[in-house]
């Protein structure tokens, strides 16, 4: 990104750069994980976070929370992570799905 003169503080430029990799490598989650590290806490971060953690939770990847340890240092990101995980937990207890719009358990 630095070689392409992308400002890491500009979320739009970061997302634009990483979306190119997402198109070319749709099965890889590396670009999504990188976006989570770089983006500031906000709607774009939350959207990428859901895209990253949802499949990992469904698979039961035990190292997910440890992998995200670095992200907890940012209070805004930590709040979003906590809220999303709590929502998913509440939905599982009530409806047996991570999100109410899910069709399968």
Protein backbone atom coordinates (compact mmCIF):
# COMPACT_ATOMS: atom_id res chain seq x y z
CA UNK A 1 0.00 0.00 0.00
CA UNK A 2 2.84 2.36 0.80
CA UNK A 3 4.45 1.51 -2.55
CA UNK A 4 1.22 2.59 -4.25
CA UNK A 5 1.14 5.83 -2.23
CA UNK A 6 -2.04 4.84 -0.41
CA UNK A 7 -2.70 6.87 2.73
CA UNK A 8 -3.39 4.34 5.49
CA UNK A 9 -5.38 7.00 7.35
CA UNK A 10 -7.83 7.32 4.44
CA UNK A 11 -10.39 4.51 4.81
CA UNK A 12 -11.72 5.00 1.28
CA UNK A 13 -8.30 4.52 -0.32
CA UNK A 14 -7.61 1.46 1.82
CA UNK A 15 -10.97 -0.14 0.96
CA UNK A 16 -10.49 0.61 -2.73
CA UNK A 17 -7.06 -1.04 -2.75
CA UNK A 18 -8.19 -4.10 -0.79
CA UNK A 19 -11.33 -4.56 -2.90
CA UNK A 20 -9.08 -5.32 -5.88
CA UNK A 21 -7.60 -8.24 -3.97
CA UNK A 22 -11.05 -9.34 -2.87
CA UNK A 23 -12.13 -9.63 -6.52
CA UNK A 24 -9.03 -11.59 -7.53
CA UNK A 25 -8.84 -13.79 -4.40
CA UNK A 26 -12.45 -14.25 -3.20
CA UNK A 27 -11.70 -17.26 -0.97
CA UNK A 28 -8.86 -15.57 0.90
CA UNK A 29 -9.64 -13.68 4.09
CA UNK A 30 -6.24 -11.97 4.34
CA UNK A 31 -7.46 -8.75 2.74
CA UNK A 32 -10.41 -8.63 5.14
CA UNK A 33 -8.13 -9.19 8.15
CA UNK A 34 -5.81 -6.46 6.91
CA UNK A 35 -8.76 -4.08 6.53
CA UNK A 36 -9.78 -4.79 10.12
CA UNK A 37 -6.31 -3.83 11.30
CA UNK A 38 -6.10 -0.62 9.24
CA UNK A 39 -9.63 0.85 9.22
CA UNK A 40 -10.79 3.18 11.96
CA UNK A 41 -13.72 2.12 14.14
CA UNK A 42 -16.92 2.81 12.24
CA UNK A 43 -19.42 1.30 9.80
CA UNK A 44 -16.78 0.12 7.28
CA UNK A 45 -14.81 -1.56 10.08
CA UNK A 46 -17.96 -3.22 11.42
CA UNK A 47 -18.91 -4.54 7.99
CA UNK A 48 -15.45 -6.05 7.43
CA UNK A 49 -15.40 -7.44 10.96
CA UNK A 50 -18.69 -9.28 10.42
CA UNK A 51 -17.39 -10.65 7.12
CA UNK A 52 -14.25 -11.90 8.89
CA UNK A 53 -15.59 -13.33 12.17
CA UNK A 54 -18.88 -14.85 11.02
CA UNK A 55 -17.39 -17.79 9.06
CA UNK A 56 -14.82 -18.35 11.82
CA UNK A 57 -17.55 -18.54 14.48
CA UNK A 58 -19.59 -20.93 12.34
CA UNK A 59 -16.52 -23.16 11.91
CA UNK A 60 -15.69 -22.90 15.60
CA UNK A 61 -12.15 -21.57 15.14
CA UNK A 62 -10.84 -21.40 18.72
CA UNK A 63 -7.96 -19.02 17.93
CA UNK A 64 -10.26 -16.26 16.58
CA UNK A 65 -10.35 -14.25 19.81
CA UNK A 66 -6.58 -14.56 20.32
CA UNK A 67 -6.00 -13.55 16.70
CA UNK A 68 -7.91 -10.34 17.29
CA UNK A 69 -6.01 -9.44 20.48
CA UNK A 70 -4.14 -6.58 18.77
CA UNK A 71 -7.45 -4.99 17.74
CA UNK A 72 -8.65 -4.78 21.36
CA UNK A 73 -6.09 -2.02 22.02
CA UNK A 74 -8.36 0.42 20.14
CA UNK A 75 -11.27 1.18 22.49
CA UNK A 76 -13.69 1.96 19.63
CA UNK A 77 -12.93 -1.29 17.84
CA UNK A 78 -13.10 -3.28 21.09
CA UNK A 79 -16.58 -1.85 21.77
CA UNK A 80 -17.78 -2.87 18.30
CA UNK A 81 -16.33 -6.37 18.68
CA UNK A 82 -17.99 -6.81 22.07
CA UNK A 83 -21.34 -5.56 20.81
CA UNK A 84 -21.30 -7.82 17.72
CA UNK A 85 -20.29 -10.91 19.67
CA UNK A 86 -22.96 -10.20 22.30
CA UNK A 87 -25.59 -9.78 19.55
CA UNK A 88 -24.56 -13.08 17.98
CA UNK A 89 -24.67 -14.82 21.36
CA UNK A 90 -28.13 -13.39 22.15
CA UNK A 91 -29.42 -14.43 18.71
CA UNK A 92 -28.09 -17.96 19.21
CA UNK A 93 -29.82 -18.25 22.57
CA UNK A 94 -33.14 -16.91 21.28
CA UNK A 95 -33.37 -18.12 17.68
CA UNK A 96 -30.46 -20.57 17.18
CA UNK A 97 -28.96 -18.38 14.42
CA UNK A 98 -26.14 -15.82 14.43
CA UNK A 99 -28.30 -13.26 12.68
CA UNK A 100 -32.12 -13.11 12.52
CA UNK A 101 -31.96 -12.97 8.71
CA UNK A 102 -30.23 -16.39 8.56
CA UNK A 103 -32.32 -19.17 7.11
CA UNK A 104 -30.39 -22.09 8.61
CA UNK A 105 -29.43 -22.92 12.18
